[in-house]
Amino acid sequence: MRVSSLLSIVVLAAMCMSARPLDLLNARGRITLLRTHDVGTKYGPPTDQIDVETVIQLDTKPGMAFGFQLRDDNQRVTREGMLDLLRDAFRNNWPVSIDYIITPPKKNGVIIRVWVEKTPGAVVAPSTN
């Protein structure tokens, strides 16, 4: 009985050690690629695929790509909003910020957050009329 318990602990420890941790990272840059494609077609080589429908590349992260799913689920509205922000940023050449999850040393990550910011010089003072 003790041998089987010890064996179970060793197997679980080995599984935990071989599992790669996911990193939550941030990137900011201008979009150099904005791509959407059919559900299930994925993006990237077989060893570094992300199961997403919307993909971007940033000028500050050459060789990397980031994406998110755009499916008919409870995240649809949020992700449509993310796509709208990315389209506006791409169209206007605005810098965009993303938070993404990636397993090092992979080059393709999954976006969980998107935002754009106005630069301080772009803020317009309220009218006093």
C-alpha atoms as a PDB file:
ATOM      1  CA  MET A   1       0.000   0.000   0.000  1.00  0.00           C
ATOM      2  CA  ARG A   2       2.770   2.443   0.842  1.00  0.00           C
ATOM      3  CA  VAL A   3       4.655   1.607  -2.348  1.00  0.00           C
ATOM      4  CA  SER A   4       1.637   2.469  -4.515  1.00  0.00           C
ATOM      5  CA  SER A   5       1.118   5.743  -2.619  1.00  0.00           C
ATOM      6  CA  LEU A   6       4.774   6.645  -3.025  1.00  0.00           C
ATOM      7  CA  LEU A   7       4.619   5.756  -6.711  1.00  0.00           C
ATOM      8  CA  SER A   8       1.563   7.985  -7.141  1.00  0.00           C
ATOM      9  CA  ILE A   9       3.376  10.894  -5.501  1.00  0.00           C
ATOM     10  CA  VAL A  10       6.434  10.402  -7.723  1.00  0.00           C
ATOM     11  CA  VAL A  11       4.268  10.269 -10.862  1.00  0.00           C
ATOM     12  CA  LEU A  12       2.359  13.419  -9.859  1.00  0.00           C
ATOM     13  CA  ALA A  13       5.596  15.258  -9.080  1.00  0.00           C
ATOM     14  CA  ALA A  14       7.046  14.280 -12.460  1.00  0.00           C
ATOM     15  CA  MET A  15       3.905  15.485 -14.226  1.00  0.00           C
ATOM     16  CA  CYS A  16       4.056  18.833 -12.436  1.00  0.00           C
ATOM     17  CA  MET A  17       7.722  19.278 -13.272  1.00  0.00           C
ATOM     18  CA  SER A  18       7.173  18.553 -16.970  1.00  0.00           C
ATOM     19  CA  ALA A  19       4.185  20.905 -17.285  1.00  0.00           C
ATOM     20  CA  ARG A  20       5.222  24.229 -18.709  1.00  0.00           C
ATOM     21  CA  PRO A  21       3.984  27.276 -16.859  1.00  0.00           C
ATOM     22  CA  LEU A  22       2.022  29.928 -18.688  1.00  0.00           C
ATOM     23  CA  ASP A  23       3.300  33.468 -18.483  1.00  0.00           C
ATOM     24  CA  LEU A  24       0.999  36.504 -18.483  1.00  0.00           C
ATOM     25  CA  LEU A  25       2.880  39.230 -20.329  1.00  0.00           C
ATOM     26  CA  ASN A  26       2.243  42.651 -21.823  1.00  0.00           C
ATOM     27  CA  ALA A  27       3.244  44.127 -25.163  1.00  0.00           C
ATOM     28  CA  ARG A  28       2.766  47.511 -26.777  1.00  0.00           C
ATOM     29  CA  GLY A  29       3.339  48.488 -30.388  1.00  0.00           C
ATOM     30  CA  ARG A  30       1.813  49.250 -33.747  1.00  0.00           C
ATOM     31  CA  ILE A  31      -0.035  46.507 -35.570  1.00  0.00           C
ATOM     32  CA  THR A  32       1.789  45.230 -38.657  1.00  0.00           C
ATOM     33  CA  LEU A  33      -0.638  42.353 -39.336  1.00  0.00           C
ATOM     34  CA  LEU A  34      -4.343  41.986 -38.589  1.00  0.00           C
ATOM     35  CA  ARG A  35      -5.792  38.670 -39.722  1.00  0.00           C
ATOM     36  CA  THR A  36      -9.093  36.866 -39.227  1.00  0.00           C
ATOM     37  CA  HIS A  37      -9.843  33.367 -40.456  1.00  0.00           C
ATOM     38  CA  ASP A  38     -12.278  30.468 -40.169  1.00  0.00           C
ATOM     39  CA  VAL A  39     -12.909  28.660 -36.882  1.00  0.00           C
ATOM     40  CA  GLY A  40     -10.613  25.687 -36.366  1.00  0.00           C
ATOM     41  CA  THR A  41      -7.929  26.657 -38.889  1.00  0.00           C
ATOM     42  CA  LYS A  42      -5.528  27.780 -36.115  1.00  0.00           C
ATOM     43  CA  TYR A  43      -2.382  29.886 -36.518  1.00  0.00           C
ATOM     44  CA  GLY A  44       1.278  28.926 -36.402  1.00  0.00           C
ATOM     45  CA  PRO A  45       3.419  25.854 -36.965  1.00  0.00           C
ATOM     46  CA  PRO A  46       2.347  22.507 -35.448  1.00  0.00           C
ATOM     47  CA  THR A  47       4.661  22.950 -32.436  1.00  0.00           C
ATOM     48  CA  ASP A  48       3.472  26.507 -31.699  1.00  0.00           C
ATOM     49  CA  GLN A  49      -0.175  26.739 -32.772  1.00  0.00           C
ATOM     50  CA  ILE A  50      -2.816  28.912 -31.205  1.00  0.00           C
ATOM     51  CA  ASP A  51      -6.474  27.987 -31.693  1.00  0.00           C
ATOM     52  CA  VAL A  52      -7.722  31.480 -32.530  1.00  0.00           C
ATOM     53  CA  GLU A  53      -9.591  33.308 -35.289  1.00  0.00           C
ATOM     54  CA  THR A  54      -8.106  36.804 -34.906  1.00  0.00           C
ATOM     55  CA  VAL A  55      -4.327  37.279 -35.126  1.00  0.00           C
ATOM     56  CA  ILE A  56      -2.093  40.341 -34.846  1.00  0.00           C
ATOM     57  CA  GLN A  57       1.612  41.031 -35.078  1.00  0.00           C
ATOM     58  CA  LEU A  58       3.289  44.053 -33.496  1.00  0.00           C
ATOM     59  CA  ASP A  59       6.259  46.049 -34.736  1.00  0.00           C
ATOM     60  CA  THR A  60       7.883  45.742 -31.295  1.00  0.00           C
ATOM     61  CA  LYS A  61       7.678  41.920 -31.192  1.00  0.00           C
ATOM     62  CA  PRO A  62       9.104  40.673 -34.513  1.00  0.00           C
ATOM     63  CA  GLY A  63       8.619  36.968 -35.101  1.00  0.00           C
ATOM     64  CA  MET A  64       5.760  36.765 -32.605  1.00  0.00           C
ATOM     65  CA  ALA A  65       1.994  36.644 -33.101  1.00  0.00           C
ATOM     66  CA  PHE A  66      -0.940  37.043 -30.744  1.00  0.00           C
ATOM     67  CA  GLY A  67      -4.577  36.140 -31.130  1.00  0.00           C
ATOM     68  CA  PHE A  68      -7.930  35.352 -29.621  1.00  0.00           C
ATOM     69  CA  GLN A  69     -10.983  33.276 -30.428  1.00  0.00           C
ATOM     70  CA  LEU A  70     -14.014  34.892 -32.001  1.00  0.00           C
ATOM     71  CA  ARG A  71     -16.681  32.260 -31.441  1.00  0.00           C
ATOM     72  CA  ASP A  72     -20.375  32.186 -30.691  1.00  0.00           C
ATOM     73  CA  ASP A  73     -19.967  31.812 -26.925  1.00  0.00           C
ATOM     74  CA  ASN A  74     -20.271  33.922 -23.767  1.00  0.00           C
ATOM     75  CA  GLN A  75     -17.090  35.858 -24.702  1.00  0.00           C
ATOM     76  CA  ARG A  76     -18.315  36.873 -28.173  1.00  0.00           C
ATOM     77  CA  VAL A  77     -19.338  40.467 -27.344  1.00  0.00           C
ATOM     78  CA  THR A  78     -16.096  41.174 -25.470  1.00  0.00           C
ATOM     79  CA  ARG A  79     -13.966  39.755 -28.257  1.00  0.00           C
ATOM     80  CA  GLU A  80     -15.876  41.646 -30.938  1.00  0.00           C
ATOM     81  CA  GLY A  81     -15.035  44.780 -28.941  1.00  0.00           C
ATOM     82  CA  MET A  82     -11.377  43.750 -28.868  1.00  0.00           C
ATOM     83  CA  LEU A  83     -11.440  43.236 -32.647  1.00  0.00           C
ATOM     84  CA  ASP A  84     -13.049  46.670 -33.122  1.00  0.00           C
ATOM     85  CA  LEU A  85     -10.268  48.285 -31.054  1.00  0.00           C
ATOM     86  CA  LEU A  86      -7.608  46.446 -33.056  1.00  0.00           C
ATOM     87  CA  ARG A  87      -9.206  47.516 -36.353  1.00  0.00           C
ATOM     88  CA  ASP A  88      -9.269  51.160 -35.245  1.00  0.00           C
ATOM     89  CA  ALA A  89      -5.653  50.970 -34.091  1.00  0.00           C
ATOM     90  CA  PHE A  90      -4.584  49.326 -37.359  1.00  0.00           C
ATOM     91  CA  ARG A  91      -6.520  51.784 -39.519  1.00  0.00           C
ATOM     92  CA  ASN A  92      -5.168  54.837 -37.640  1.00  0.00           C
ATOM     93  CA  ASN A  93      -1.664  53.496 -36.927  1.00  0.00           C
ATOM     94  CA  TRP A  94      -2.210  53.908 -33.182  1.00  0.00           C
ATOM     95  CA  PRO A  95      -0.074  52.015 -30.686  1.00  0.00           C
ATOM     96  CA  VAL A  96      -2.010  49.225 -29.021  1.00  0.00           C
ATOM     97  CA  SER A  97      -1.376  47.423 -25.730  1.00  0.00           C
ATOM     98  CA  ILE A  98      -2.195  43.783 -25.106  1.00  0.00           C
ATOM     99  CA  ASP A  99      -1.964  41.339 -22.239  1.00  0.00           C
ATOM    100  CA  TYR A 100      -1.337  37.814 -23.445  1.00  0.00           C
ATOM    101  CA  ILE A 101      -0.696  34.309 -22.173  1.00  0.00           C
ATOM    102  CA  ILE A 102       2.200  32.348 -23.624  1.00  0.00           C
ATOM    103  CA  THR A 103       4.212  29.250 -22.798  1.00  0.00           C
ATOM    104  CA  PRO A 104       7.936  30.044 -23.064  1.00  0.00           C
ATOM    105  CA  PRO A 105       9.803  29.656 -25.379  1.00  0.00           C
ATOM    106  CA  LYS A 106       6.869  29.713 -27.817  1.00  0.00           C
ATOM    107  CA  LYS A 107       6.342  32.708 -30.103  1.00  0.00           C
ATOM    108  CA  ASN A 108       2.533  32.692 -30.396  1.00  0.00           C
ATOM    109  CA  GLY A 109       0.355  33.810 -27.483  1.00  0.00           C
ATOM    110  CA  VAL A 110      -3.327  34.193 -26.634  1.00  0.00           C
ATOM    111  CA  ILE A 111      -4.611  37.723 -26.025  1.00  0.00           C
ATOM    112  CA  ILE A 112      -6.781  38.290 -22.955  1.00  0.00           C
ATOM    113  CA  ARG A 113      -6.918  42.134 -22.963  1.00  0.00           C
ATOM    114  CA  VAL A 114      -6.599  44.945 -25.527  1.00  0.00           C
ATOM    115  CA  TRP A 115      -6.474  48.712 -25.041  1.00  0.00           C
ATOM    116  CA  VAL A 116      -5.420  51.934 -26.714  1.00  0.00           C
ATOM    117  CA  GLU A 117      -4.364  55.148 -24.993  1.00  0.00           C
ATOM    118  CA  LYS A 118      -4.179  58.735 -26.077  1.00  0.00           C
ATOM    119  CA  THR A 119      -0.776  60.311 -25.742  1.00  0.00           C
ATOM    120  CA  PRO A 120      -0.721  63.290 -23.343  1.00  0.00           C
ATOM    121  CA  GLY A 121      -0.300  65.731 -26.244  1.00  0.00           C
ATOM    122  CA  ALA A 122      -3.420  64.334 -27.912  1.00  0.00           C
ATOM    123  CA  VAL A 123      -5.748  65.226 -25.041  1.00  0.00           C
ATOM    124  CA  VAL A 124      -8.074  68.063 -25.995  1.00  0.00           C
ATOM    125  CA  ALA A 125      -9.043  70.529 -23.271  1.00  0.00           C
ATOM    126  CA  PRO A 126     -12.775  70.906 -22.641  1.00  0.00           C
ATOM    127  CA  SER A 127     -14.475  73.827 -24.314  1.00  0.00           C
ATOM    128  CA  THR A 128     -15.193  76.839 -22.070  1.00  0.00           C
ATOM    129  CA  ASN A 129     -18.040  78.188 -24.217  1.00  0.00           C
END
